[in-house]
Amino acid sequence: MAATQQREKTTQPAHGTKKKPPGATQTNSSSRQGMFVRLNPDDKQRAEYWADKRGFSSLNEYVAEAVVEKIRRENLDYDLPTLEIARLNELVDQVAALAKNSANLERVVTTGFDSLIGLTRGDNYLLDDEDGELG
């Protein structure tokens, strides 16, 4: 029994010590804590590409920045790019123009029906005195 207990002690790590998984970051002076992330190989390749393209010192720095950005988006705290702002303004202008066109169409239809009703009563709108106003 003593031999098996001795073998168990040698194969298990000492109490209170843990091995960090490969690739995990250490807590540094900026009070950042390490985290282990598993990615699909394709996602990892894309993340490495964008980390390199954006000039990050490591993939871990890129992933940390991505997490912060995702949290900001979840909190609806982000800036809209210029193209999105321009498109949104264009859509707002189009809706305003549509509202004006709808009001004009309503006025034309109402005036047309008033004229038809007047004609069926025998009123002749052509004989009315004009005051110079259009409407």
N, C-alpha and C. Protein backbone atom coordinates (compact mmCIF):
# COMPACT_ATOMS: atom_id res chain seq x y z
N MET A 1 0.81 -1.19 0.00
CA MET A 1 0.00 0.00 0.00
C MET A 1 0.85 1.25 0.00
N ALA A 2 1.96 1.21 0.68
CA ALA A 2 2.81 2.38 0.77
C ALA A 2 3.37 2.73 -0.60
N ALA A 3 3.62 1.76 -1.43
CA ALA A 3 4.17 2.01 -2.76
C ALA A 3 3.13 2.70 -3.64
N THR A 4 1.85 2.31 -3.57
CA THR A 4 0.84 2.94 -4.39
C THR A 4 0.56 4.36 -3.92
N GLN A 5 0.60 4.59 -2.59
CA GLN A 5 0.40 5.95 -2.10
C GLN A 5 1.55 6.84 -2.54
N GLN A 6 2.77 6.31 -2.53
CA GLN A 6 3.93 7.08 -2.96
C GLN A 6 3.82 7.43 -4.44
N ARG A 7 3.33 6.49 -5.28
CA ARG A 7 3.19 6.73 -6.70
C ARG A 7 2.13 7.81 -6.97
N GLU A 8 0.99 7.80 -6.21
CA GLU A 8 -0.05 8.81 -6.38
C GLU A 8 0.48 10.20 -6.04
N LYS A 9 1.31 10.30 -5.04
CA LYS A 9 1.87 11.59 -4.65
C LYS A 9 2.78 12.14 -5.73
N THR A 10 3.50 11.27 -6.39
CA THR A 10 4.44 11.75 -7.40
C THR A 10 3.75 12.10 -8.71
N THR A 11 2.60 11.50 -9.02
CA THR A 11 1.94 11.79 -10.30
C THR A 11 1.01 12.98 -10.22
N GLN A 12 0.54 13.35 -9.03
CA GLN A 12 -0.36 14.49 -8.90
C GLN A 12 0.44 15.73 -8.55
N PRO A 13 0.04 16.90 -9.06
CA PRO A 13 0.75 18.12 -8.73
C PRO A 13 0.53 18.48 -7.26
N ALA A 14 1.44 19.25 -6.74
CA ALA A 14 1.33 19.68 -5.34
C ALA A 14 0.07 20.52 -5.18
N HIS A 15 -0.53 20.48 -4.00
CA HIS A 15 -1.77 21.21 -3.72
C HIS A 15 -1.55 22.70 -3.89
N GLY A 16 -2.44 23.36 -4.64
CA GLY A 16 -2.35 24.81 -4.81
C GLY A 16 -1.60 25.24 -6.06
N THR A 17 -1.01 24.31 -6.78
CA THR A 17 -0.32 24.69 -8.02
C THR A 17 -1.09 24.10 -9.20
N LYS A 18 -1.26 24.91 -10.22
CA LYS A 18 -1.95 24.47 -11.42
C LYS A 18 -1.11 24.83 -12.63
N LYS A 19 -1.12 23.96 -13.59
CA LYS A 19 -0.46 24.28 -14.85
C LYS A 19 -1.40 25.14 -15.67
N LYS A 20 -0.86 26.17 -16.32
CA LYS A 20 -1.66 26.99 -17.22
C LYS A 20 -1.71 26.31 -18.57
N PRO A 21 -2.86 26.37 -19.23
CA PRO A 21 -2.93 25.77 -20.57
C PRO A 21 -2.00 26.51 -21.53
N PRO A 22 -1.49 25.82 -22.54
CA PRO A 22 -0.60 26.48 -23.49
C PRO A 22 -1.32 27.64 -24.18
N GLY A 23 -0.64 28.78 -24.30
CA GLY A 23 -1.22 29.93 -24.97
C GLY A 23 -1.95 30.87 -24.05
N ALA A 24 -2.16 30.51 -22.79
CA ALA A 24 -2.86 31.40 -21.86
C ALA A 24 -1.92 32.53 -21.45
N THR A 25 -2.49 33.69 -21.26
CA THR A 25 -1.67 34.85 -20.91
C THR A 25 -1.58 35.00 -19.41
N GLN A 26 -0.48 35.56 -18.97
CA GLN A 26 -0.26 35.81 -17.55
C GLN A 26 -0.90 37.13 -17.19
N THR A 27 -1.30 37.29 -15.92
CA THR A 27 -1.79 38.58 -15.45
C THR A 27 -0.60 39.51 -15.36
N ASN A 28 -0.68 40.68 -16.03
CA ASN A 28 0.45 41.58 -16.03
C ASN A 28 0.14 42.81 -15.19
N SER A 29 1.00 43.80 -15.25
CA SER A 29 0.88 44.97 -14.38
C SER A 29 -0.33 45.83 -14.71
N SER A 30 -0.94 45.65 -15.88
CA SER A 30 -2.10 46.46 -16.23
C SER A 30 -3.40 45.82 -15.73
N SER A 31 -3.29 44.91 -14.79
CA SER A 31 -4.41 44.22 -14.14
C SER A 31 -5.30 43.48 -15.13
N ARG A 32 -4.73 42.93 -16.16
CA ARG A 32 -5.48 42.10 -17.09
C ARG A 32 -5.31 40.66 -16.65
N GLN A 33 -6.38 39.90 -16.75
CA GLN A 33 -6.35 38.51 -16.36
C GLN A 33 -6.32 37.62 -17.59
N GLY A 34 -5.71 36.47 -17.43
CA GLY A 34 -5.60 35.53 -18.53
C GLY A 34 -6.89 34.78 -18.76
N MET A 35 -7.01 34.26 -20.00
CA MET A 35 -8.21 33.51 -20.37
C MET A 35 -7.81 32.55 -21.48
N PHE A 36 -8.41 31.39 -21.48
CA PHE A 36 -8.13 30.39 -22.51
C PHE A 36 -9.30 30.36 -23.47
N VAL A 37 -9.03 30.49 -24.76
CA VAL A 37 -10.09 30.52 -25.77
C VAL A 37 -9.82 29.43 -26.80
N ARG A 38 -10.87 28.71 -27.15
CA ARG A 38 -10.77 27.70 -28.21
C ARG A 38 -11.50 28.24 -29.43
N LEU A 39 -10.83 28.21 -30.56
CA LEU A 39 -11.42 28.70 -31.81
C LEU A 39 -11.40 27.61 -32.86
N ASN A 40 -12.34 27.68 -33.76
CA ASN A 40 -12.35 26.85 -34.94
C ASN A 40 -11.07 27.20 -35.73
N PRO A 41 -10.42 26.24 -36.36
CA PRO A 41 -9.19 26.55 -37.11
C PRO A 41 -9.36 27.66 -38.15
N ASP A 42 -10.50 27.68 -38.83
CA ASP A 42 -10.74 28.74 -39.82
C ASP A 42 -10.86 30.10 -39.15
N ASP A 43 -11.58 30.15 -38.02
CA ASP A 43 -11.71 31.41 -37.29
C ASP A 43 -10.37 31.88 -36.75
N LYS A 44 -9.55 30.93 -36.30
CA LYS A 44 -8.23 31.31 -35.78
C LYS A 44 -7.37 31.88 -36.90
N GLN A 45 -7.44 31.28 -38.07
CA GLN A 45 -6.66 31.76 -39.21
C GLN A 45 -7.10 33.17 -39.59
N ARG A 46 -8.41 33.41 -39.62
CA ARG A 46 -8.92 34.75 -39.94
C ARG A 46 -8.52 35.75 -38.87
N ALA A 47 -8.59 35.35 -37.60
CA ALA A 47 -8.22 36.24 -36.50
C ALA A 47 -6.73 36.59 -36.60
N GLU A 48 -5.89 35.61 -36.92
CA GLU A 48 -4.46 35.89 -37.08
C GLU A 48 -4.22 36.85 -38.24
N TYR A 49 -4.96 36.66 -39.33
CA TYR A 49 -4.83 37.56 -40.48
C TYR A 49 -5.16 39.00 -40.10
N TRP A 50 -6.33 39.19 -39.43
CA TRP A 50 -6.74 40.55 -39.08
C TRP A 50 -5.87 41.14 -37.98
N ALA A 51 -5.38 40.32 -37.07
CA ALA A 51 -4.47 40.83 -36.04
C ALA A 51 -3.20 41.35 -36.69
N ASP A 52 -2.70 40.60 -37.67
CA ASP A 52 -1.49 41.03 -38.38
C ASP A 52 -1.78 42.27 -39.22
N LYS A 53 -2.90 42.28 -39.90
CA LYS A 53 -3.25 43.41 -40.77
C LYS A 53 -3.46 44.69 -39.96
N ARG A 54 -4.05 44.59 -38.78
CA ARG A 54 -4.31 45.76 -37.94
C ARG A 54 -3.11 46.15 -37.08
N GLY A 55 -2.05 45.37 -37.12
CA GLY A 55 -0.83 45.73 -36.42
C GLY A 55 -0.80 45.39 -34.94
N PHE A 56 -1.58 44.41 -34.52
CA PHE A 56 -1.55 43.98 -33.13
C PHE A 56 -0.27 43.19 -32.88
N SER A 57 0.24 43.28 -31.65
CA SER A 57 1.48 42.58 -31.33
C SER A 57 1.28 41.08 -31.23
N SER A 58 0.06 40.64 -30.91
CA SER A 58 -0.20 39.20 -30.82
C SER A 58 -1.69 38.94 -31.07
N LEU A 59 -2.00 37.69 -31.26
CA LEU A 59 -3.39 37.29 -31.44
C LEU A 59 -4.18 37.54 -30.16
N ASN A 60 -3.53 37.35 -29.01
CA ASN A 60 -4.21 37.59 -27.74
C ASN A 60 -4.66 39.04 -27.60
N GLU A 61 -3.82 39.97 -28.03
CA GLU A 61 -4.19 41.39 -27.97
C GLU A 61 -5.40 41.66 -28.87
N TYR A 62 -5.41 41.04 -30.05
CA TYR A 62 -6.53 41.20 -30.98
C TYR A 62 -7.82 40.63 -30.38
N VAL A 63 -7.74 39.45 -29.77
CA VAL A 63 -8.92 38.83 -29.17
C VAL A 63 -9.42 39.68 -28.00
N ALA A 64 -8.51 40.22 -27.19
CA ALA A 64 -8.92 41.08 -26.08
C ALA A 64 -9.66 42.31 -26.60
N GLU A 65 -9.14 42.91 -27.65
CA GLU A 65 -9.80 44.09 -28.25
C GLU A 65 -11.15 43.71 -28.84
N ALA A 66 -11.25 42.53 -29.45
CA ALA A 66 -12.52 42.07 -30.03
C ALA A 66 -13.57 41.86 -28.95
N VAL A 67 -13.18 41.33 -27.80
CA VAL A 67 -14.12 41.13 -26.71
C VAL A 67 -14.63 42.47 -26.19
N VAL A 68 -13.73 43.44 -26.04
CA VAL A 68 -14.13 44.77 -25.57
C VAL A 68 -15.09 45.42 -26.56
N GLU A 69 -14.79 45.30 -27.86
CA GLU A 69 -15.66 45.88 -28.88
C GLU A 69 -17.03 45.21 -28.90
N LYS A 70 -17.08 43.89 -28.74
CA LYS A 70 -18.36 43.18 -28.72
C LYS A 70 -19.20 43.61 -27.52
N ILE A 71 -18.58 43.81 -26.38
CA ILE A 71 -19.30 44.28 -25.18
C ILE A 71 -19.86 45.67 -25.43
N ARG A 72 -19.07 46.55 -26.08
CA ARG A 72 -19.57 47.90 -26.40
C ARG A 72 -20.77 47.82 -27.33
N ARG A 73 -20.75 46.93 -28.31
CA ARG A 73 -21.89 46.79 -29.22
C ARG A 73 -23.12 46.27 -28.50
N GLU A 74 -22.93 45.32 -27.58
CA GLU A 74 -24.05 44.81 -26.80
C GLU A 74 -24.68 45.92 -25.95
N ASN A 75 -23.86 46.86 -25.49
CA ASN A 75 -24.34 47.99 -24.69
C ASN A 75 -24.84 49.14 -25.56
N LEU A 76 -24.86 48.95 -26.89
CA LEU A 76 -25.27 49.97 -27.86
C LEU A 76 -24.42 51.23 -27.73
N ASP A 77 -23.14 51.06 -27.45
CA ASP A 77 -22.22 52.18 -27.28
C ASP A 77 -21.15 52.09 -28.38
N TYR A 78 -21.51 52.54 -29.59
CA TYR A 78 -20.57 52.49 -30.70
C TYR A 78 -20.87 53.63 -31.66
N ASP A 79 -19.88 54.01 -32.43
CA ASP A 79 -20.02 55.07 -33.42
C ASP A 79 -20.42 54.45 -34.75
N LEU A 80 -21.31 55.14 -35.44
CA LEU A 80 -21.70 54.68 -36.77
C LEU A 80 -20.68 55.18 -37.79
N PRO A 81 -20.25 54.33 -38.70
CA PRO A 81 -19.34 54.80 -39.76
C PRO A 81 -20.05 55.80 -40.67
N THR A 82 -19.26 56.57 -41.37
CA THR A 82 -19.77 57.66 -42.20
C THR A 82 -20.76 57.16 -43.26
N LEU A 83 -20.48 56.05 -43.90
CA LEU A 83 -21.37 55.54 -44.93
C LEU A 83 -22.73 55.15 -44.36
N GLU A 84 -22.73 54.57 -43.17
CA GLU A 84 -24.00 54.20 -42.56
C GLU A 84 -24.80 55.44 -42.20
N ILE A 85 -24.15 56.47 -41.72
CA ILE A 85 -24.83 57.72 -41.38
C ILE A 85 -25.42 58.34 -42.65
N ALA A 86 -24.65 58.36 -43.72
CA ALA A 86 -25.13 58.92 -44.99
C ALA A 86 -26.34 58.14 -45.50
N ARG A 87 -26.29 56.83 -45.43
CA ARG A 87 -27.41 56.01 -45.91
C ARG A 87 -28.65 56.24 -45.03
N LEU A 88 -28.46 56.33 -43.73
CA LEU A 88 -29.58 56.58 -42.83
C LEU A 88 -30.22 57.94 -43.11
N ASN A 89 -29.39 58.96 -43.34
CA ASN A 89 -29.93 60.29 -43.69
C ASN A 89 -30.69 60.25 -45.02
N GLU A 90 -30.18 59.48 -45.97
CA GLU A 90 -30.86 59.34 -47.26
C GLU A 90 -32.23 58.69 -47.07
N LEU A 91 -32.29 57.66 -46.24
CA LEU A 91 -33.57 56.99 -45.99
C LEU A 91 -34.56 57.92 -45.29
N VAL A 92 -34.07 58.73 -44.36
CA VAL A 92 -34.94 59.68 -43.67
C VAL A 92 -35.50 60.69 -44.68
N ASP A 93 -34.65 61.19 -45.59
CA ASP A 93 -35.12 62.13 -46.62
C ASP A 93 -36.16 61.48 -47.54
N GLN A 94 -35.94 60.22 -47.88
CA GLN A 94 -36.89 59.52 -48.75
C GLN A 94 -38.25 59.34 -48.07
N VAL A 95 -38.23 59.05 -46.78
CA VAL A 95 -39.49 58.89 -46.05
C VAL A 95 -40.22 60.24 -45.98
N ALA A 96 -39.48 61.33 -45.77
CA ALA A 96 -40.10 62.66 -45.73
C ALA A 96 -40.71 63.01 -47.09
N ALA A 97 -40.00 62.70 -48.19
CA ALA A 97 -40.53 62.95 -49.53
C ALA A 97 -41.77 62.09 -49.79
N LEU A 98 -41.76 60.87 -49.33
CA LEU A 98 -42.91 59.99 -49.49
C LEU A 98 -44.12 60.54 -48.74
N ALA A 99 -43.90 61.10 -47.55
CA ALA A 99 -45.00 61.69 -46.79
C ALA A 99 -45.58 62.89 -47.53
N LYS A 100 -44.73 63.73 -48.12
CA LYS A 100 -45.22 64.89 -48.89
C LYS A 100 -46.00 64.43 -50.12
N ASN A 101 -45.48 63.43 -50.82
CA ASN A 101 -46.19 62.91 -52.00
C ASN A 101 -47.55 62.33 -51.62
N SER A 102 -47.59 61.64 -50.50
CA SER A 102 -48.86 61.07 -50.05
C SER A 102 -49.87 62.18 -49.71
N ALA A 103 -49.41 63.26 -49.07
CA ALA A 103 -50.30 64.38 -48.76
C ALA A 103 -50.80 65.04 -50.03
N ASN A 104 -49.92 65.22 -51.02
CA ASN A 104 -50.32 65.81 -52.30
C ASN A 104 -51.33 64.92 -53.02
N LEU A 105 -51.11 63.63 -53.02
CA LEU A 105 -52.04 62.69 -53.65
C LEU A 105 -53.41 62.74 -52.96
N GLU A 106 -53.40 62.82 -51.65
CA GLU A 106 -54.65 62.93 -50.90
C GLU A 106 -55.41 64.20 -51.29
N ARG A 107 -54.69 65.31 -51.41
CA ARG A 107 -55.32 66.58 -51.79
C ARG A 107 -55.91 66.51 -53.19
N VAL A 108 -55.20 65.91 -54.14
CA VAL A 108 -55.68 65.80 -55.52
C VAL A 108 -56.92 64.93 -55.58
N VAL A 109 -56.90 63.80 -54.89
CA VAL A 109 -58.06 62.89 -54.91
C VAL A 109 -59.27 63.56 -54.27
N THR A 110 -59.06 64.24 -53.14
CA THR A 110 -60.18 64.93 -52.47
C THR A 110 -60.75 66.02 -53.35
N THR A 111 -59.91 66.81 -53.99
CA THR A 111 -60.38 67.87 -54.88
C THR A 111 -61.12 67.27 -56.08
N GLY A 112 -60.62 66.19 -56.63
CA GLY A 112 -61.28 65.53 -57.76
C GLY A 112 -62.66 65.02 -57.39
N PHE A 113 -62.78 64.38 -56.24
CA PHE A 113 -64.10 63.90 -55.82
C PHE A 113 -65.05 65.05 -55.52
N ASP A 114 -64.53 66.14 -54.94
CA ASP A 114 -65.38 67.32 -54.71
C ASP A 114 -65.91 67.86 -56.04
N SER A 115 -65.05 67.88 -57.05
CA SER A 115 -65.48 68.36 -58.38
C SER A 115 -66.53 67.45 -58.98
N LEU A 116 -66.34 66.12 -58.86
CA LEU A 116 -67.33 65.18 -59.39
C LEU A 116 -68.67 65.31 -58.67
N ILE A 117 -68.61 65.47 -57.37
CA ILE A 117 -69.86 65.63 -56.61
C ILE A 117 -70.54 66.93 -57.02
N GLY A 118 -69.78 67.99 -57.22
CA GLY A 118 -70.35 69.26 -57.67
C GLY A 118 -70.99 69.15 -59.04
N LEU A 119 -70.37 68.41 -59.94
CA LEU A 119 -70.94 68.21 -61.28
C LEU A 119 -72.24 67.41 -61.24
N THR A 120 -72.31 66.41 -60.36
CA THR A 120 -73.55 65.63 -60.28
C THR A 120 -74.68 66.45 -59.68
N ARG A 121 -74.36 67.46 -58.86
CA ARG A 121 -75.39 68.34 -58.33
C ARG A 121 -75.82 69.39 -59.34
N GLY A 122 -75.05 69.55 -60.39
CA GLY A 122 -75.37 70.56 -61.39
C GLY A 122 -74.56 71.82 -61.23
N ASP A 123 -73.66 71.85 -60.28
CA ASP A 123 -72.81 73.03 -60.13
C ASP A 123 -71.79 73.04 -61.27
N ASN A 124 -71.51 74.22 -61.79
CA ASN A 124 -70.51 74.33 -62.83
C ASN A 124 -69.34 75.13 -62.25
N TYR A 125 -68.28 74.45 -61.99
CA TYR A 125 -67.12 75.12 -61.40
C TYR A 125 -66.43 76.05 -62.38
N LEU A 126 -66.74 75.94 -63.68
CA LEU A 126 -66.11 76.81 -64.67
C LEU A 126 -66.70 78.21 -64.65
N LEU A 127 -67.91 78.35 -64.13
CA LEU A 127 -68.55 79.67 -64.09
C LEU A 127 -68.27 80.43 -62.80
N ASP A 128 -67.57 79.81 -61.85
CA ASP A 128 -67.26 80.48 -60.59
C ASP A 128 -66.30 81.65 -60.84
N ASP A 129 -66.48 82.70 -60.07
CA ASP A 129 -65.57 83.85 -60.17
C ASP A 129 -64.21 83.46 -59.56
N GLU A 130 -63.19 83.82 -60.28
CA GLU A 130 -61.86 83.52 -59.77
C GLU A 130 -61.31 84.69 -59.01
N ASP A 131 -60.65 84.38 -57.89
CA ASP A 131 -60.04 85.44 -57.08
C ASP A 131 -58.53 85.49 -57.26
N GLY A 132 -57.98 84.69 -58.14
CA GLY A 132 -56.56 84.70 -58.40
C GLY A 132 -55.78 83.68 -57.58
N GLU A 133 -56.42 83.03 -56.65
CA GLU A 133 -55.76 82.02 -55.81
C GLU A 133 -55.90 80.64 -56.44
N LEU A 134 -54.92 79.84 -56.20
CA LEU A 134 -54.96 78.47 -56.73
C LEU A 134 -55.46 77.50 -55.67
N GLY A 135 -56.38 77.30 -55.20
CA GLY A 135 -56.66 76.28 -54.20
C GLY A 135 -57.72 76.58 -53.31
